[in-house]
Amino acid sequence: MQKEMRNKLTRVLYELNELDKGQIRVKDMAQETGVTVRTIERDINDIDEAGFPICNLAPGVYAFMEG
């Protein structure tokens, strides 16, 4: 599974799906997808810039904003 998650599009779609379920932890997401924490942080930034309403609940913890 990790090798498949190195593809950015696949990884970002997976992250969006996980955000839809609730909050995500950057460290856990990095381990699940086989990339670095910094890569996940970049993905979160890209998701935010694409217009998805993301909030930072705590250091390294993100979720969609309510509403």
PDB file of N, CA and C in Angstrom:
ATOM      1  N   MET A   1       0.826  -1.200   0.000  1.00  0.00           N
ATOM      2  CA  MET A   1       0.000   0.000   0.000  1.00  0.00           C
ATOM      3  C   MET A   1       0.865   1.256   0.000  1.00  0.00           C
ATOM      4  N   GLN A   2       1.956   1.250   0.732  1.00  0.00           N
ATOM      5  CA  GLN A   2       2.777   2.452   0.817  1.00  0.00           C
ATOM      6  C   GLN A   2       3.318   2.876  -0.542  1.00  0.00           C
ATOM      7  N   LYS A   3       3.734   1.908  -1.358  1.00  0.00           N
ATOM      8  CA  LYS A   3       4.277   2.250  -2.665  1.00  0.00           C
ATOM      9  C   LYS A   3       3.234   2.971  -3.507  1.00  0.00           C
ATOM     10  N   GLU A   4       1.991   2.531  -3.431  1.00  0.00           N
ATOM     11  CA  GLU A   4       0.912   3.171  -4.178  1.00  0.00           C
ATOM     12  C   GLU A   4       0.687   4.602  -3.706  1.00  0.00           C
ATOM     13  N   MET A   5       0.899   4.861  -2.421  1.00  0.00           N
ATOM     14  CA  MET A   5       0.610   6.176  -1.857  1.00  0.00           C
ATOM     15  C   MET A   5       1.690   7.209  -2.181  1.00  0.00           C
ATOM     16  N   ARG A   6       2.741   6.813  -2.834  1.00  0.00           N
ATOM     17  CA  ARG A   6       3.771   7.781  -3.209  1.00  0.00           C
ATOM     18  C   ARG A   6       3.310   8.658  -4.373  1.00  0.00           C
ATOM     19  N   ASN A   7       2.286   8.237  -5.095  1.00  0.00           N
ATOM     20  CA  ASN A   7       1.705   9.042  -6.144  1.00  0.00           C
ATOM     21  C   ASN A   7       0.902  10.158  -5.485  1.00  0.00           C
ATOM     22  N   LYS A   8       1.217  11.400  -5.821  1.00  0.00           N
ATOM     23  CA  LYS A   8       0.600  12.533  -5.128  1.00  0.00           C
ATOM     24  C   LYS A   8      -0.917  12.555  -5.253  1.00  0.00           C
ATOM     25  N   LEU A   9      -1.438  12.331  -6.416  1.00  0.00           N
ATOM     26  CA  LEU A   9      -2.883  12.382  -6.597  1.00  0.00           C
ATOM     27  C   LEU A   9      -3.574  11.330  -5.732  1.00  0.00           C
ATOM     28  N   THR A  10      -3.066  10.129  -5.756  1.00  0.00           N
ATOM     29  CA  THR A  10      -3.636   9.055  -4.938  1.00  0.00           C
ATOM     30  C   THR A  10      -3.564   9.416  -3.458  1.00  0.00           C
ATOM     31  N   ARG A  11      -2.420   9.960  -3.050  1.00  0.00           N
ATOM     32  CA  ARG A  11      -2.219  10.324  -1.644  1.00  0.00           C
ATOM     33  C   ARG A  11      -3.171  11.443  -1.213  1.00  0.00           C
ATOM     34  N   VAL A  12      -3.307  12.471  -2.033  1.00  0.00           N
ATOM     35  CA  VAL A  12      -4.182  13.598  -1.685  1.00  0.00           C
ATOM     36  C   VAL A  12      -5.646  13.154  -1.630  1.00  0.00           C
ATOM     37  N   LEU A  13      -6.047  12.308  -2.548  1.00  0.00           N
ATOM     38  CA  LEU A  13      -7.419  11.783  -2.495  1.00  0.00           C
ATOM     39  C   LEU A  13      -7.636  10.970  -1.226  1.00  0.00           C
ATOM     40  N   TYR A  14      -6.644  10.190  -0.836  1.00  0.00           N
ATOM     41  CA  TYR A  14      -6.722   9.423   0.411  1.00  0.00           C
ATOM     42  C   TYR A  14      -6.832  10.375   1.609  1.00  0.00           C
ATOM     43  N   GLU A  15      -6.039  11.428   1.604  1.00  0.00           N
ATOM     44  CA  GLU A  15      -6.079  12.412   2.693  1.00  0.00           C
ATOM     45  C   GLU A  15      -7.444  13.099   2.763  1.00  0.00           C
ATOM     46  N   LEU A  16      -7.993  13.465   1.618  1.00  0.00           N
ATOM     47  CA  LEU A  16      -9.323  14.076   1.589  1.00  0.00           C
ATOM     48  C   LEU A  16     -10.375  13.125   2.153  1.00  0.00           C
ATOM     49  N   ASN A  17     -10.272  11.866   1.794  1.00  0.00           N
ATOM     50  CA  ASN A  17     -11.201  10.865   2.303  1.00  0.00           C
ATOM     51  C   ASN A  17     -11.082  10.745   3.824  1.00  0.00           C
ATOM     52  N   GLU A  18      -9.868  10.727   4.331  1.00  0.00           N
ATOM     53  CA  GLU A  18      -9.654  10.634   5.776  1.00  0.00           C
ATOM     54  C   GLU A  18     -10.144  11.900   6.487  1.00  0.00           C
ATOM     55  N   LEU A  19      -9.941  13.069   5.878  1.00  0.00           N
ATOM     56  CA  LEU A  19     -10.448  14.316   6.457  1.00  0.00           C
ATOM     57  C   LEU A  19     -11.968  14.306   6.508  1.00  0.00           C
ATOM     58  N   ASP A  20     -12.586  13.709   5.509  1.00  0.00           N
ATOM     59  CA  ASP A  20     -14.045  13.617   5.479  1.00  0.00           C
ATOM     60  C   ASP A  20     -14.567  12.766   6.645  1.00  0.00           C
ATOM     61  N   LYS A  21     -13.767  11.810   7.081  1.00  0.00           N
ATOM     62  CA  LYS A  21     -14.139  10.952   8.207  1.00  0.00           C
ATOM     63  C   LYS A  21     -13.920  11.642   9.554  1.00  0.00           C
ATOM     64  N   GLY A  22     -13.049  12.652   9.590  1.00  0.00           N
ATOM     65  CA  GLY A  22     -12.726  13.329  10.849  1.00  0.00           C
ATOM     66  C   GLY A  22     -11.336  13.925  10.779  1.00  0.00           C
ATOM     67  N   GLN A  23     -10.730  14.099  11.920  1.00  0.00           N
ATOM     68  CA  GLN A  23      -9.415  14.727  11.948  1.00  0.00           C
ATOM     69  C   GLN A  23      -8.312  13.755  11.541  1.00  0.00           C
ATOM     70  N   ILE A  24      -7.204  14.340  11.048  1.00  0.00           N
ATOM     71  CA  ILE A  24      -6.041  13.529  10.715  1.00  0.00           C
ATOM     72  C   ILE A  24      -4.830  14.078  11.452  1.00  0.00           C
ATOM     73  N   ARG A  25      -3.915  13.194  11.766  1.00  0.00           N
ATOM     74  CA  ARG A  25      -2.645  13.564  12.373  1.00  0.00           C
ATOM     75  C   ARG A  25      -1.569  13.398  11.302  1.00  0.00           C
ATOM     76  N   VAL A  26      -0.793  14.456  11.100  1.00  0.00           N
ATOM     77  CA  VAL A  26       0.216  14.459  10.054  1.00  0.00           C
ATOM     78  C   VAL A  26       1.189  13.298  10.227  1.00  0.00           C
ATOM     79  N   LYS A  27       1.642  13.071  11.442  1.00  0.00           N
ATOM     80  CA  LYS A  27       2.613  12.002  11.697  1.00  0.00           C
ATOM     81  C   LYS A  27       2.038  10.635  11.313  1.00  0.00           C
ATOM     82  N   ASP A  28       0.805  10.370  11.713  1.00  0.00           N
ATOM     83  CA  ASP A  28       0.161   9.096  11.380  1.00  0.00           C
ATOM     84  C   ASP A  28      -0.044   8.950   9.875  1.00  0.00           C
ATOM     85  N   MET A  29      -0.460  10.036   9.230  1.00  0.00           N
ATOM     86  CA  MET A  29      -0.701  10.007   7.794  1.00  0.00           C
ATOM     87  C   MET A  29       0.603   9.753   7.035  1.00  0.00           C
ATOM     88  N   ALA A  30       1.692  10.323   7.503  1.00  0.00           N
ATOM     89  CA  ALA A  30       2.993  10.100   6.871  1.00  0.00           C
ATOM     90  C   ALA A  30       3.389   8.630   6.963  1.00  0.00           C
ATOM     91  N   GLN A  31       3.169   8.026   8.115  1.00  0.00           N
ATOM     92  CA  GLN A  31       3.497   6.611   8.286  1.00  0.00           C
ATOM     93  C   GLN A  31       2.615   5.728   7.406  1.00  0.00           C
ATOM     94  N   GLU A  32       1.332   6.044   7.335  1.00  0.00           N
ATOM     95  CA  GLU A  32       0.394   5.247   6.540  1.00  0.00           C
ATOM     96  C   GLU A  32       0.711   5.301   5.051  1.00  0.00           C
ATOM     97  N   THR A  33       1.149   6.456   4.587  1.00  0.00           N
ATOM     98  CA  THR A  33       1.357   6.642   3.155  1.00  0.00           C
ATOM     99  C   THR A  33       2.805   6.447   2.717  1.00  0.00           C
ATOM    100  N   GLY A  34       3.720   6.322   3.668  1.00  0.00           N
ATOM    101  CA  GLY A  34       5.116   6.071   3.330  1.00  0.00           C
ATOM    102  C   GLY A  34       5.874   7.275   2.826  1.00  0.00           C
ATOM    103  N   VAL A  35       5.458   8.463   3.243  1.00  0.00           N
ATOM    104  CA  VAL A  35       6.160   9.694   2.871  1.00  0.00           C
ATOM    105  C   VAL A  35       6.552  10.437   4.147  1.00  0.00           C
ATOM    106  N   THR A  36       7.233  11.567   3.992  1.00  0.00           N
ATOM    107  CA  THR A  36       7.667  12.326   5.158  1.00  0.00           C
ATOM    108  C   THR A  36       6.533  13.204   5.701  1.00  0.00           C
ATOM    109  N   VAL A  37       6.713  13.639   6.927  1.00  0.00           N
ATOM    110  CA  VAL A  37       5.764  14.564   7.553  1.00  0.00           C
ATOM    111  C   VAL A  37       5.681  15.839   6.727  1.00  0.00           C
ATOM    112  N   ARG A  38       6.813  16.302   6.234  1.00  0.00           N
ATOM    113  CA  ARG A  38       6.834  17.535   5.438  1.00  0.00           C
ATOM    114  C   ARG A  38       6.002  17.378   4.155  1.00  0.00           C
ATOM    115  N   THR A  39       6.034  16.219   3.546  1.00  0.00           N
ATOM    116  CA  THR A  39       5.224  15.973   2.346  1.00  0.00           C
ATOM    117  C   THR A  39       3.743  16.078   2.666  1.00  0.00           C
ATOM    118  N   ILE A  40       3.323  15.517   3.783  1.00  0.00           N
ATOM    119  CA  ILE A  40       1.915  15.610   4.191  1.00  0.00           C
ATOM    120  C   ILE A  40       1.553  17.060   4.466  1.00  0.00           C
ATOM    121  N   GLU A  41       2.449  17.802   5.105  1.00  0.00           N
ATOM    122  CA  GLU A  41       2.189  19.228   5.359  1.00  0.00           C
ATOM    123  C   GLU A  41       2.015  19.984   4.045  1.00  0.00           C
ATOM    124  N   ARG A  42       2.820  19.661   3.041  1.00  0.00           N
ATOM    125  CA  ARG A  42       2.669  20.292   1.723  1.00  0.00           C
ATOM    126  C   ARG A  42       1.323  19.920   1.101  1.00  0.00           C
ATOM    127  N   ASP A  43       0.940  18.656   1.241  1.00  0.00           N
ATOM    128  CA  ASP A  43      -0.353  18.223   0.715  1.00  0.00           C
ATOM    129  C   ASP A  43      -1.494  18.988   1.385  1.00  0.00           C
ATOM    130  N   ILE A  44      -1.425  19.144   2.701  1.00  0.00           N
ATOM    131  CA  ILE A  44      -2.454  19.882   3.440  1.00  0.00           C
ATOM    132  C   ILE A  44      -2.517  21.318   2.935  1.00  0.00           C
ATOM    133  N   ASN A  45      -1.372  21.907   2.701  1.00  0.00           N
ATOM    134  CA  ASN A  45      -1.332  23.273   2.172  1.00  0.00           C
ATOM    135  C   ASN A  45      -1.977  23.328   0.783  1.00  0.00           C
ATOM    136  N   ASP A  46      -1.679  22.347  -0.063  1.00  0.00           N
ATOM    137  CA  ASP A  46      -2.282  22.302  -1.402  1.00  0.00           C
ATOM    138  C   ASP A  46      -3.802  22.129  -1.325  1.00  0.00           C
ATOM    139  N   ILE A  47      -4.251  21.279  -0.411  1.00  0.00           N
ATOM    140  CA  ILE A  47      -5.686  21.066  -0.223  1.00  0.00           C
ATOM    141  C   ILE A  47      -6.353  22.372   0.221  1.00  0.00           C
ATOM    142  N   ASP A  48      -5.712  23.078   1.138  1.00  0.00           N
ATOM    143  CA  ASP A  48      -6.231  24.364   1.622  1.00  0.00           C
ATOM    144  C   ASP A  48      -6.281  25.391   0.490  1.00  0.00           C
ATOM    145  N   GLU A  49      -5.214  25.469  -0.288  1.00  0.00           N
ATOM    146  CA  GLU A  49      -5.161  26.423  -1.405  1.00  0.00           C
ATOM    147  C   GLU A  49      -6.172  26.083  -2.500  1.00  0.00           C
ATOM    148  N   ALA A  50      -6.577  24.827  -2.586  1.00  0.00           N
ATOM    149  CA  ALA A  50      -7.579  24.417  -3.574  1.00  0.00           C
ATOM    150  C   ALA A  50      -8.990  24.818  -3.144  1.00  0.00           C
ATOM    151  N   GLY A  51      -9.111  25.342  -1.928  1.00  0.00           N
ATOM    152  CA  GLY A  51     -10.404  25.846  -1.480  1.00  0.00           C
ATOM    153  C   GLY A  51     -11.143  24.966  -0.500  1.00  0.00           C
ATOM    154  N   PHE A  52     -10.541  23.869  -0.084  1.00  0.00           N
ATOM    155  CA  PHE A  52     -11.172  23.039   0.936  1.00  0.00           C
ATOM    156  C   PHE A  52     -10.982  23.702   2.297  1.00  0.00           C
ATOM    157  N   PRO A  53     -12.047  23.799   3.079  1.00  0.00           N
ATOM    158  CA  PRO A  53     -11.961  24.508   4.366  1.00  0.00           C
ATOM    159  C   PRO A  53     -11.311  23.643   5.453  1.00  0.00           C
ATOM    160  N   ILE A  54     -10.004  23.809   5.623  1.00  0.00           N
ATOM    161  CA  ILE A  54      -9.260  23.017   6.604  1.00  0.00           C
ATOM    162  C   ILE A  54      -8.860  23.909   7.775  1.00  0.00           C
ATOM    163  N   CYS A  55      -8.946  23.352   8.967  1.00  0.00           N
ATOM    164  CA  CYS A  55      -8.477  24.079  10.147  1.00  0.00           C
ATOM    165  C   CYS A  55      -7.436  23.238  10.880  1.00  0.00           C
ATOM    166  N   ASN A  56      -6.536  23.935  11.529  1.00  0.00           N
ATOM    167  CA  ASN A  56      -5.474  23.305  12.306  1.00  0.00           C
ATOM    168  C   ASN A  56      -5.954  23.247  13.749  1.00  0.00           C
ATOM    169  N   LEU A  57      -6.319  22.053  14.220  1.00  0.00           N
ATOM    170  CA  LEU A  57      -6.867  21.892  15.566  1.00  0.00           C
ATOM    171  C   LEU A  57      -5.792  21.945  16.642  1.00  0.00           C
ATOM    172  N   ALA A  58      -4.619  21.460  16.315  1.00  0.00           N
ATOM    173  CA  ALA A  58      -3.461  21.421  17.215  1.00  0.00           C
ATOM    174  C   ALA A  58      -2.238  21.221  16.316  1.00  0.00           C
ATOM    175  N   PRO A  59      -1.049  21.373  16.865  1.00  0.00           N
ATOM    176  CA  PRO A  59       0.124  21.121  16.013  1.00  0.00           C
ATOM    177  C   PRO A  59       0.080  19.719  15.397  1.00  0.00           C
ATOM    178  N   GLY A  60       0.067  19.676  14.071  1.00  0.00           N
ATOM    179  CA  GLY A  60       0.063  18.407  13.361  1.00  0.00           C
ATOM    180  C   GLY A  60      -1.278  17.707  13.270  1.00  0.00           C
ATOM    181  N   VAL A  61      -2.363  18.397  13.656  1.00  0.00           N
ATOM    182  CA  VAL A  61      -3.703  17.796  13.604  1.00  0.00           C
ATOM    183  C   VAL A  61      -4.611  18.711  12.783  1.00  0.00           C
ATOM    184  N   TYR A  62      -5.233  18.137  11.744  1.00  0.00           N
ATOM    185  CA  TYR A  62      -6.081  18.917  10.851  1.00  0.00           C
ATOM    186  C   TYR A  62      -7.446  18.274  10.693  1.00  0.00           C
ATOM    187  N   ALA A  63      -8.422  19.102  10.335  1.00  0.00           N
ATOM    188  CA  ALA A  63      -9.785  18.629  10.082  1.00  0.00           C
ATOM    189  C   ALA A  63     -10.468  19.649   9.168  1.00  0.00           C
ATOM    190  N   PHE A  64     -11.567  19.209   8.573  1.00  0.00           N
ATOM    191  CA  PHE A  64     -12.388  20.162   7.835  1.00  0.00           C
ATOM    192  C   PHE A  64     -13.106  21.061   8.832  1.00  0.00           C
ATOM    193  N   MET A  65     -13.305  22.321   8.457  1.00  0.00           N
ATOM    194  CA  MET A  65     -14.070  23.234   9.294  1.00  0.00           C
ATOM    195  C   MET A  65     -15.530  22.805   9.300  1.00  0.00           C
ATOM    196  N   GLU A  66     -16.198  23.074  10.382  1.00  0.00           N
ATOM    197  CA  GLU A  66     -17.638  22.770  10.480  1.00  0.00           C
ATOM    198  C   GLU A  66     -18.413  23.595   9.476  1.00  0.00           C
ATOM    199  N   GLY A  67     -19.456  22.993   8.941  1.00  0.00           N
ATOM    200  CA  GLY A  67     -20.331  23.725   8.026  1.00  0.00           C
ATOM    201  C   GLY A  67     -19.913  23.568   6.663  1.00  0.00           C
TER     202      GLY A  67
END
